[in-house]
Amino acid sequence: MTEIFSNGGGTQSAAISALIVQGRLPKPDLVVICDTGREKSSTWDYLDAVIRPALRGVGLEVIRIKHAEWSNPSPSGEHYSHNGNTLLIPAFTNQSGEVGKLSGFCSGKWKVMPKTRYLREVLKIPTNQQKNWIGFSTDEARRAIRMIAGEDFQAGLIRLPLLPMCQ
């Protein structure tokens, strides 16, 4: 099983990186980040100035996977459609009266699918041999609970390193 830290470029991913560098988490086999083309330039600046050098110091390189090169386009060639509408990530709504983030279909379409395809086609790692580290933290309990109940977690294909109770 290949241990793959799926770096999202945010706070939780920085925390996982720090824990790896400190030796408080085991070193994964790979570190990947998916470039959706929608990130702020500060995300890449921080990755290049802080995260990459720190992980390189413990023998890990960060692989940047570009969505535009590794997505699976629909038959119409449309990459961005959700229910026939253009939807950019992240997307928020206030339909319930409170501001909330729309469903995570975009994570799959923009990050998981391109990453899985790249790992399978370029690095020759079959999907069932990819154990993905995901940076859910305690403030994302609903997402973590859904993940834990899913088939991939039950099959041992997902690790939630920031949630010790899930190890």
N, C-alpha and C. Protein backbone atom coordinates (compact mmCIF):
# COMPACT_ATOMS: atom_id res chain seq x y z
N MET A 1 0.86 -1.18 0.00
CA MET A 1 0.00 0.00 0.00
C MET A 1 0.90 1.24 0.00
N THR A 2 0.63 2.16 -0.91
CA THR A 2 1.40 3.41 -1.00
C THR A 2 0.69 4.48 -0.19
N GLU A 3 1.39 5.04 0.79
CA GLU A 3 0.84 6.10 1.65
C GLU A 3 1.03 7.44 0.94
N ILE A 4 -0.07 8.14 0.68
CA ILE A 4 -0.05 9.37 -0.09
C ILE A 4 -0.68 10.51 0.71
N PHE A 5 0.13 11.49 1.06
CA PHE A 5 -0.37 12.68 1.74
C PHE A 5 -0.92 13.61 0.68
N SER A 6 -2.24 13.79 0.69
CA SER A 6 -2.92 14.69 -0.25
C SER A 6 -2.95 16.08 0.35
N ASN A 7 -1.97 16.88 0.02
CA ASN A 7 -1.84 18.23 0.54
C ASN A 7 -2.85 19.13 -0.17
N GLY A 8 -3.68 19.82 0.61
CA GLY A 8 -4.67 20.71 0.03
C GLY A 8 -4.22 22.15 -0.03
N GLY A 9 -3.06 22.45 0.53
CA GLY A 9 -2.54 23.80 0.48
C GLY A 9 -3.02 24.70 1.60
N GLY A 10 -3.78 24.17 2.54
CA GLY A 10 -4.33 24.99 3.61
C GLY A 10 -3.71 24.72 4.97
N THR A 11 -4.40 25.17 5.99
CA THR A 11 -3.92 25.09 7.37
C THR A 11 -3.70 23.65 7.82
N GLN A 12 -4.66 22.78 7.56
CA GLN A 12 -4.52 21.38 7.99
C GLN A 12 -3.35 20.71 7.30
N SER A 13 -3.15 21.00 6.04
CA SER A 13 -2.02 20.41 5.31
C SER A 13 -0.69 20.94 5.84
N ALA A 14 -0.66 22.21 6.21
CA ALA A 14 0.56 22.75 6.82
C ALA A 14 0.83 22.05 8.15
N ALA A 15 -0.23 21.78 8.92
CA ALA A 15 -0.07 21.08 10.20
C ALA A 15 0.45 19.66 9.99
N ILE A 16 -0.09 18.95 9.02
CA ILE A 16 0.39 17.60 8.72
C ILE A 16 1.85 17.65 8.30
N SER A 17 2.20 18.61 7.46
CA SER A 17 3.59 18.76 7.03
C SER A 17 4.51 18.98 8.22
N ALA A 18 4.10 19.87 9.13
CA ALA A 18 4.91 20.14 10.33
C ALA A 18 5.07 18.89 11.18
N LEU A 19 4.00 18.12 11.34
CA LEU A 19 4.06 16.90 12.15
C LEU A 19 4.98 15.85 11.52
N ILE A 20 4.98 15.79 10.19
CA ILE A 20 5.90 14.87 9.49
C ILE A 20 7.34 15.31 9.73
N VAL A 21 7.60 16.60 9.54
CA VAL A 21 8.97 17.13 9.72
C VAL A 21 9.45 16.92 11.14
N GLN A 22 8.56 17.07 12.13
CA GLN A 22 8.92 16.87 13.53
C GLN A 22 9.05 15.39 13.90
N GLY A 23 8.65 14.51 13.02
CA GLY A 23 8.69 13.08 13.31
C GLY A 23 7.52 12.60 14.15
N ARG A 24 6.51 13.43 14.29
CA ARG A 24 5.33 13.06 15.08
C ARG A 24 4.31 12.30 14.26
N LEU A 25 4.46 12.33 12.95
CA LEU A 25 3.71 11.48 12.03
C LEU A 25 4.74 10.73 11.20
N PRO A 26 4.42 9.50 10.82
CA PRO A 26 5.37 8.78 9.96
C PRO A 26 5.46 9.46 8.60
N LYS A 27 6.54 9.24 7.93
CA LYS A 27 6.74 9.82 6.61
C LYS A 27 5.93 9.03 5.58
N PRO A 28 5.07 9.72 4.82
CA PRO A 28 4.34 9.02 3.76
C PRO A 28 5.28 8.69 2.60
N ASP A 29 4.80 7.89 1.68
CA ASP A 29 5.60 7.56 0.50
C ASP A 29 5.64 8.72 -0.49
N LEU A 30 4.53 9.45 -0.59
CA LEU A 30 4.40 10.54 -1.55
C LEU A 30 3.65 11.70 -0.93
N VAL A 31 3.93 12.90 -1.43
CA VAL A 31 3.15 14.09 -1.10
C VAL A 31 2.69 14.67 -2.43
N VAL A 32 1.39 14.84 -2.58
CA VAL A 32 0.85 15.41 -3.81
C VAL A 32 -0.05 16.59 -3.48
N ILE A 33 -0.12 17.52 -4.40
CA ILE A 33 -1.06 18.63 -4.30
C ILE A 33 -1.67 18.82 -5.68
N CYS A 34 -2.98 18.97 -5.72
CA CYS A 34 -3.66 19.18 -6.99
C CYS A 34 -3.86 20.67 -7.22
N ASP A 35 -3.43 21.10 -8.37
CA ASP A 35 -3.54 22.48 -8.79
C ASP A 35 -4.83 22.61 -9.59
N THR A 36 -5.86 23.18 -8.96
CA THR A 36 -7.16 23.32 -9.63
C THR A 36 -7.16 24.50 -10.59
N GLY A 37 -6.14 25.36 -10.48
CA GLY A 37 -6.11 26.56 -11.29
C GLY A 37 -6.88 27.70 -10.66
N ARG A 38 -7.40 27.48 -9.46
CA ARG A 38 -8.23 28.48 -8.78
C ARG A 38 -7.63 28.94 -7.45
N GLU A 39 -6.42 28.45 -7.12
CA GLU A 39 -5.80 28.81 -5.85
C GLU A 39 -5.26 30.23 -5.90
N LYS A 40 -5.16 30.83 -4.73
CA LYS A 40 -4.52 32.14 -4.62
C LYS A 40 -3.02 31.96 -4.83
N SER A 41 -2.37 32.99 -5.35
CA SER A 41 -0.92 32.91 -5.55
C SER A 41 -0.20 32.73 -4.21
N SER A 42 -0.79 33.22 -3.12
CA SER A 42 -0.16 33.07 -1.80
C SER A 42 -0.08 31.60 -1.38
N THR A 43 -1.01 30.78 -1.86
CA THR A 43 -0.95 29.33 -1.56
C THR A 43 0.33 28.75 -2.14
N TRP A 44 0.63 29.06 -3.40
CA TRP A 44 1.83 28.53 -4.06
C TRP A 44 3.08 29.16 -3.49
N ASP A 45 3.01 30.45 -3.14
CA ASP A 45 4.17 31.12 -2.53
C ASP A 45 4.55 30.43 -1.22
N TYR A 46 3.57 30.14 -0.38
CA TYR A 46 3.83 29.49 0.91
C TYR A 46 4.33 28.06 0.70
N LEU A 47 3.71 27.36 -0.23
CA LEU A 47 4.15 25.99 -0.53
C LEU A 47 5.63 25.99 -0.94
N ASP A 48 5.99 26.90 -1.85
CA ASP A 48 7.36 26.93 -2.36
C ASP A 48 8.37 27.45 -1.35
N ALA A 49 7.97 28.41 -0.51
CA ALA A 49 8.91 29.03 0.43
C ALA A 49 9.05 28.25 1.74
N VAL A 50 7.99 27.57 2.16
CA VAL A 50 7.99 26.94 3.49
C VAL A 50 7.81 25.42 3.43
N ILE A 51 6.72 24.98 2.83
CA ILE A 51 6.36 23.55 2.87
C ILE A 51 7.35 22.69 2.08
N ARG A 52 7.61 23.05 0.84
CA ARG A 52 8.54 22.25 0.01
C ARG A 52 9.91 22.09 0.67
N PRO A 53 10.55 23.19 1.10
CA PRO A 53 11.88 23.02 1.72
C PRO A 53 11.84 22.18 3.00
N ALA A 54 10.80 22.36 3.81
CA ALA A 54 10.70 21.59 5.05
C ALA A 54 10.56 20.10 4.76
N LEU A 55 9.67 19.76 3.82
CA LEU A 55 9.48 18.34 3.48
C LEU A 55 10.71 17.78 2.76
N ARG A 56 11.35 18.59 1.93
CA ARG A 56 12.57 18.15 1.26
C ARG A 56 13.64 17.79 2.29
N GLY A 57 13.64 18.52 3.41
CA GLY A 57 14.60 18.26 4.48
C GLY A 57 14.46 16.88 5.11
N VAL A 58 13.28 16.24 4.95
CA VAL A 58 13.09 14.88 5.45
C VAL A 58 12.94 13.89 4.30
N GLY A 59 13.37 14.32 3.11
CA GLY A 59 13.41 13.40 1.97
C GLY A 59 12.14 13.28 1.17
N LEU A 60 11.24 14.26 1.25
CA LEU A 60 9.98 14.20 0.50
C LEU A 60 9.90 15.36 -0.49
N GLU A 61 9.50 15.05 -1.70
CA GLU A 61 9.22 16.08 -2.70
C GLU A 61 7.71 16.20 -2.85
N VAL A 62 7.24 17.40 -3.13
CA VAL A 62 5.81 17.63 -3.35
C VAL A 62 5.56 17.58 -4.86
N ILE A 63 4.66 16.68 -5.26
CA ILE A 63 4.29 16.54 -6.66
C ILE A 63 3.06 17.40 -6.91
N ARG A 64 3.16 18.32 -7.86
CA ARG A 64 2.05 19.20 -8.21
C ARG A 64 1.34 18.62 -9.43
N ILE A 65 0.07 18.26 -9.25
CA ILE A 65 -0.72 17.64 -10.30
C ILE A 65 -1.72 18.68 -10.81
N LYS A 66 -1.62 19.02 -12.07
CA LYS A 66 -2.48 20.07 -12.63
C LYS A 66 -3.80 19.48 -13.11
N HIS A 67 -4.87 20.01 -12.56
CA HIS A 67 -6.22 19.58 -12.93
C HIS A 67 -6.41 19.61 -14.45
N ALA A 68 -5.96 20.68 -15.08
CA ALA A 68 -6.17 20.85 -16.51
C ALA A 68 -5.54 19.72 -17.33
N GLU A 69 -4.48 19.09 -16.80
CA GLU A 69 -3.80 18.02 -17.52
C GLU A 69 -4.32 16.63 -17.16
N TRP A 70 -4.92 16.48 -15.97
CA TRP A 70 -5.25 15.14 -15.48
C TRP A 70 -6.72 14.92 -15.14
N SER A 71 -7.57 15.89 -15.45
CA SER A 71 -9.00 15.68 -15.18
C SER A 71 -9.57 14.76 -16.25
N ASN A 72 -10.70 14.21 -15.96
CA ASN A 72 -11.41 13.39 -16.92
C ASN A 72 -12.57 14.23 -17.43
N PRO A 73 -12.43 14.87 -18.58
CA PRO A 73 -13.50 15.72 -19.06
C PRO A 73 -14.75 14.92 -19.39
N SER A 74 -15.89 15.57 -19.28
CA SER A 74 -17.14 14.94 -19.68
C SER A 74 -17.14 14.81 -21.20
N PRO A 75 -18.06 14.02 -21.75
CA PRO A 75 -18.09 13.87 -23.21
C PRO A 75 -18.20 15.21 -23.94
N SER A 76 -18.83 16.19 -23.31
CA SER A 76 -18.98 17.51 -23.96
C SER A 76 -17.73 18.36 -23.79
N GLY A 77 -16.75 17.87 -23.00
CA GLY A 77 -15.55 18.64 -22.75
C GLY A 77 -15.68 19.60 -21.59
N GLU A 78 -16.84 19.65 -20.97
CA GLU A 78 -17.10 20.57 -19.86
C GLU A 78 -16.51 20.02 -18.58
N HIS A 79 -15.65 20.79 -17.93
CA HIS A 79 -15.03 20.39 -16.68
C HIS A 79 -15.71 20.99 -15.46
N TYR A 80 -16.47 22.04 -15.63
CA TYR A 80 -16.88 22.86 -14.50
C TYR A 80 -18.37 22.80 -14.21
N SER A 81 -19.10 21.95 -14.85
CA SER A 81 -20.54 21.97 -14.74
C SER A 81 -21.05 21.17 -13.55
N HIS A 82 -22.03 21.71 -12.88
CA HIS A 82 -22.73 21.02 -11.81
C HIS A 82 -24.20 21.31 -12.03
N ASN A 83 -24.97 20.30 -12.33
CA ASN A 83 -26.39 20.47 -12.62
C ASN A 83 -26.62 21.45 -13.76
N GLY A 84 -25.71 21.45 -14.75
CA GLY A 84 -25.87 22.29 -15.91
C GLY A 84 -25.45 23.74 -15.73
N ASN A 85 -24.94 24.09 -14.58
CA ASN A 85 -24.51 25.46 -14.33
C ASN A 85 -23.01 25.50 -14.10
N THR A 86 -22.40 26.65 -14.38
CA THR A 86 -20.99 26.82 -14.08
C THR A 86 -20.84 27.11 -12.61
N LEU A 87 -19.96 26.38 -11.94
CA LEU A 87 -19.77 26.52 -10.51
C LEU A 87 -18.28 26.47 -10.22
N LEU A 88 -17.74 27.54 -9.72
CA LEU A 88 -16.33 27.59 -9.37
C LEU A 88 -16.16 27.28 -7.90
N ILE A 89 -15.00 26.70 -7.52
CA ILE A 89 -14.78 26.34 -6.12
C ILE A 89 -13.92 27.39 -5.45
N PRO A 90 -14.05 27.56 -4.16
CA PRO A 90 -15.13 27.04 -3.34
C PRO A 90 -16.41 27.82 -3.61
N ALA A 91 -17.53 27.19 -3.41
CA ALA A 91 -18.83 27.83 -3.64
C ALA A 91 -19.63 27.83 -2.35
N PHE A 92 -20.32 28.93 -2.09
CA PHE A 92 -21.07 29.10 -0.86
C PHE A 92 -22.51 29.48 -1.17
N THR A 93 -23.38 29.24 -0.22
CA THR A 93 -24.79 29.57 -0.37
C THR A 93 -25.31 30.19 0.92
N ASN A 94 -26.40 30.92 0.82
CA ASN A 94 -27.09 31.40 2.01
C ASN A 94 -28.56 31.04 1.93
N GLN A 95 -28.89 30.00 1.17
CA GLN A 95 -30.27 29.59 0.97
C GLN A 95 -30.96 29.20 2.27
N SER A 96 -30.25 28.66 3.23
CA SER A 96 -30.86 28.24 4.49
C SER A 96 -30.95 29.40 5.48
N GLY A 97 -30.48 30.58 5.08
CA GLY A 97 -30.46 31.72 5.99
C GLY A 97 -29.11 31.93 6.64
N GLU A 98 -28.26 30.90 6.58
CA GLU A 98 -26.90 30.98 7.09
C GLU A 98 -25.94 30.69 5.94
N VAL A 99 -24.79 31.32 5.98
CA VAL A 99 -23.79 31.06 4.94
C VAL A 99 -23.22 29.67 5.15
N GLY A 100 -23.18 28.89 4.09
CA GLY A 100 -22.63 27.54 4.17
C GLY A 100 -21.98 27.17 2.85
N LYS A 101 -21.04 26.25 2.91
CA LYS A 101 -20.32 25.80 1.72
C LYS A 101 -21.16 24.75 1.01
N LEU A 102 -21.20 24.83 -0.31
CA LEU A 102 -21.92 23.83 -1.09
C LEU A 102 -21.19 22.50 -1.05
N SER A 103 -21.86 21.47 -1.53
CA SER A 103 -21.33 20.11 -1.46
C SER A 103 -19.95 19.98 -2.08
N GLY A 104 -19.25 18.95 -1.63
CA GLY A 104 -17.87 18.75 -2.03
C GLY A 104 -17.68 18.01 -3.34
N PHE A 105 -18.70 18.05 -4.23
CA PHE A 105 -18.50 17.38 -5.52
C PHE A 105 -17.23 17.89 -6.18
N CYS A 106 -16.92 19.14 -5.90
CA CYS A 106 -15.77 19.75 -6.56
C CYS A 106 -14.46 19.12 -6.10
N SER A 107 -14.39 18.70 -4.86
CA SER A 107 -13.15 18.06 -4.39
C SER A 107 -12.86 16.82 -5.20
N GLY A 108 -13.90 16.04 -5.47
CA GLY A 108 -13.71 14.84 -6.27
C GLY A 108 -13.35 15.16 -7.69
N LYS A 109 -14.08 16.07 -8.29
CA LYS A 109 -13.89 16.40 -9.69
C LYS A 109 -12.60 17.18 -9.94
N TRP A 110 -12.26 18.06 -9.01
CA TRP A 110 -11.12 18.94 -9.21
C TRP A 110 -9.83 18.40 -8.60
N LYS A 111 -9.93 17.55 -7.60
CA LYS A 111 -8.72 17.09 -6.91
C LYS A 111 -8.56 15.57 -6.94
N VAL A 112 -9.54 14.84 -6.46
CA VAL A 112 -9.40 13.39 -6.32
C VAL A 112 -9.25 12.70 -7.67
N MET A 113 -10.11 13.01 -8.61
CA MET A 113 -10.05 12.33 -9.91
C MET A 113 -8.73 12.59 -10.64
N PRO A 114 -8.27 13.85 -10.75
CA PRO A 114 -6.98 14.06 -11.42
C PRO A 114 -5.82 13.39 -10.69
N LYS A 115 -5.84 13.44 -9.35
CA LYS A 115 -4.76 12.82 -8.57
C LYS A 115 -4.75 11.32 -8.78
N THR A 116 -5.90 10.69 -8.70
CA THR A 116 -6.00 9.24 -8.87
C THR A 116 -5.52 8.83 -10.26
N ARG A 117 -5.93 9.58 -11.26
CA ARG A 117 -5.53 9.26 -12.64
C ARG A 117 -4.02 9.42 -12.81
N TYR A 118 -3.45 10.50 -12.29
CA TYR A 118 -2.01 10.73 -12.39
C TYR A 118 -1.24 9.59 -11.70
N LEU A 119 -1.66 9.24 -10.49
CA LEU A 119 -0.96 8.18 -9.75
C LEU A 119 -1.06 6.85 -10.47
N ARG A 120 -2.21 6.58 -11.05
CA ARG A 120 -2.42 5.32 -11.76
C ARG A 120 -1.64 5.27 -13.07
N GLU A 121 -1.70 6.36 -13.85
CA GLU A 121 -1.11 6.34 -15.19
C GLU A 121 0.38 6.66 -15.21
N VAL A 122 0.84 7.59 -14.38
CA VAL A 122 2.25 8.00 -14.41
C VAL A 122 3.08 7.18 -13.44
N LEU A 123 2.62 7.06 -12.21
CA LEU A 123 3.40 6.34 -11.19
C LEU A 123 3.03 4.86 -11.09
N LYS A 124 2.02 4.45 -11.86
CA LYS A 124 1.59 3.04 -11.92
C LYS A 124 1.17 2.48 -10.56
N ILE A 125 0.49 3.33 -9.77
CA ILE A 125 -0.04 2.89 -8.47
C ILE A 125 -1.53 2.64 -8.64
N PRO A 126 -1.96 1.37 -8.59
CA PRO A 126 -3.39 1.08 -8.73
C PRO A 126 -4.21 1.78 -7.65
N THR A 127 -5.42 2.14 -7.99
CA THR A 127 -6.29 2.83 -7.05
C THR A 127 -6.44 2.08 -5.73
N ASN A 128 -6.54 0.77 -5.78
CA ASN A 128 -6.72 0.00 -4.56
C ASN A 128 -5.44 -0.15 -3.74
N GLN A 129 -4.36 0.47 -4.21
CA GLN A 129 -3.09 0.49 -3.48
C GLN A 129 -2.71 1.90 -3.04
N GLN A 130 -3.65 2.84 -3.16
CA GLN A 130 -3.43 4.23 -2.77
C GLN A 130 -4.11 4.49 -1.43
N LYS A 131 -3.32 4.63 -0.36
CA LYS A 131 -3.88 4.99 0.94
C LYS A 131 -3.68 6.50 1.11
N ASN A 132 -4.78 7.23 1.02
CA ASN A 132 -4.74 8.69 1.00
C ASN A 132 -4.90 9.30 2.37
N TRP A 133 -3.98 10.18 2.69
CA TRP A 133 -4.05 10.95 3.93
C TRP A 133 -4.86 12.20 3.64
N ILE A 134 -5.89 12.43 4.43
CA ILE A 134 -6.76 13.60 4.26
C ILE A 134 -6.74 14.40 5.56
N GLY A 135 -6.60 15.71 5.43
CA GLY A 135 -6.40 16.58 6.59
C GLY A 135 -7.66 17.08 7.26
N PHE A 136 -8.66 16.23 7.45
CA PHE A 136 -9.82 16.66 8.22
C PHE A 136 -9.39 16.88 9.66
N SER A 137 -9.92 17.93 10.27
CA SER A 137 -9.62 18.22 11.67
C SER A 137 -10.91 18.16 12.48
N THR A 138 -10.81 18.33 13.78
CA THR A 138 -11.98 18.17 14.65
C THR A 138 -13.09 19.17 14.33
N ASP A 139 -12.78 20.29 13.70
CA ASP A 139 -13.84 21.25 13.35
C ASP A 139 -14.59 20.82 12.08
N GLU A 140 -14.20 19.71 11.49
CA GLU A 140 -14.88 19.18 10.31
C GLU A 140 -15.50 17.82 10.62
N ALA A 141 -16.11 17.72 11.77
CA ALA A 141 -16.64 16.44 12.24
C ALA A 141 -17.64 15.82 11.27
N ARG A 142 -18.53 16.62 10.70
CA ARG A 142 -19.52 16.05 9.78
C ARG A 142 -18.86 15.42 8.57
N ARG A 143 -17.87 16.10 8.01
CA ARG A 143 -17.15 15.54 6.85
C ARG A 143 -16.40 14.28 7.25
N ALA A 144 -15.76 14.32 8.41
CA ALA A 144 -14.99 13.16 8.88
C ALA A 144 -15.91 11.96 9.12
N ILE A 145 -17.06 12.19 9.73
CA ILE A 145 -17.99 11.10 10.00
C ILE A 145 -18.46 10.45 8.71
N ARG A 146 -18.77 11.28 7.70
CA ARG A 146 -19.16 10.73 6.39
C ARG A 146 -18.02 9.91 5.79
N MET A 147 -16.80 10.42 5.93
CA MET A 147 -15.64 9.72 5.38
C MET A 147 -15.44 8.38 6.10
N ILE A 148 -15.53 8.39 7.42
CA ILE A 148 -15.32 7.18 8.21
C ILE A 148 -16.36 6.11 7.88
N ALA A 149 -17.58 6.54 7.57
CA ALA A 149 -18.64 5.60 7.24
C ALA A 149 -18.52 5.04 5.83
N GLY A 150 -17.66 5.63 5.02
CA GLY A 150 -17.55 5.24 3.62
C GLY A 150 -16.74 3.98 3.39
N GLU A 151 -16.93 3.41 2.23
CA GLU A 151 -16.26 2.16 1.85
C GLU A 151 -14.74 2.29 1.82
N ASP A 152 -14.23 3.42 1.30
CA ASP A 152 -12.78 3.57 1.18
C ASP A 152 -12.10 3.58 2.54
N PHE A 153 -12.70 4.24 3.52
CA PHE A 153 -12.13 4.25 4.86
C PHE A 153 -12.19 2.85 5.45
N GLN A 154 -13.33 2.20 5.31
CA GLN A 154 -13.50 0.85 5.83
C GLN A 154 -12.52 -0.13 5.19
N ALA A 155 -12.15 0.12 3.94
CA ALA A 155 -11.21 -0.76 3.22
C ALA A 155 -9.75 -0.40 3.53
N GLY A 156 -9.53 0.61 4.37
CA GLY A 156 -8.17 0.99 4.73
C GLY A 156 -7.47 1.85 3.70
N LEU A 157 -8.25 2.52 2.83
CA LEU A 157 -7.67 3.34 1.77
C LEU A 157 -7.57 4.81 2.15
N ILE A 158 -8.00 5.16 3.36
CA ILE A 158 -7.97 6.56 3.81
C ILE A 158 -7.41 6.60 5.22
N ARG A 159 -6.59 7.61 5.44
CA ARG A 159 -6.05 7.88 6.78
C ARG A 159 -6.36 9.33 7.13
N LEU A 160 -6.79 9.57 8.33
CA LEU A 160 -7.10 10.92 8.81
C LEU A 160 -6.10 11.26 9.92
N PRO A 161 -4.89 11.71 9.57
CA PRO A 161 -3.82 11.86 10.55
C PRO A 161 -4.06 12.91 11.61
N LEU A 162 -4.96 13.85 11.40
CA LEU A 162 -5.23 14.87 12.42
C LEU A 162 -6.33 14.43 13.38
N LEU A 163 -6.87 13.26 13.18
CA LEU A 163 -7.91 12.72 14.06
C LEU A 163 -7.40 11.43 14.67
N PRO A 164 -6.67 11.52 15.78
CA PRO A 164 -6.04 10.32 16.36
C PRO A 164 -7.01 9.19 16.64
N MET A 165 -8.26 9.51 16.92
CA MET A 165 -9.23 8.44 17.20
C MET A 165 -9.55 7.61 15.98
N CYS A 166 -9.09 8.05 14.81
CA CYS A 166 -9.37 7.34 13.56
C CYS A 166 -8.18 6.52 13.07
N GLN A 167 -7.17 6.37 13.87
CA GLN A 167 -5.96 5.68 13.41
C GLN A 167 -6.06 4.20 13.56
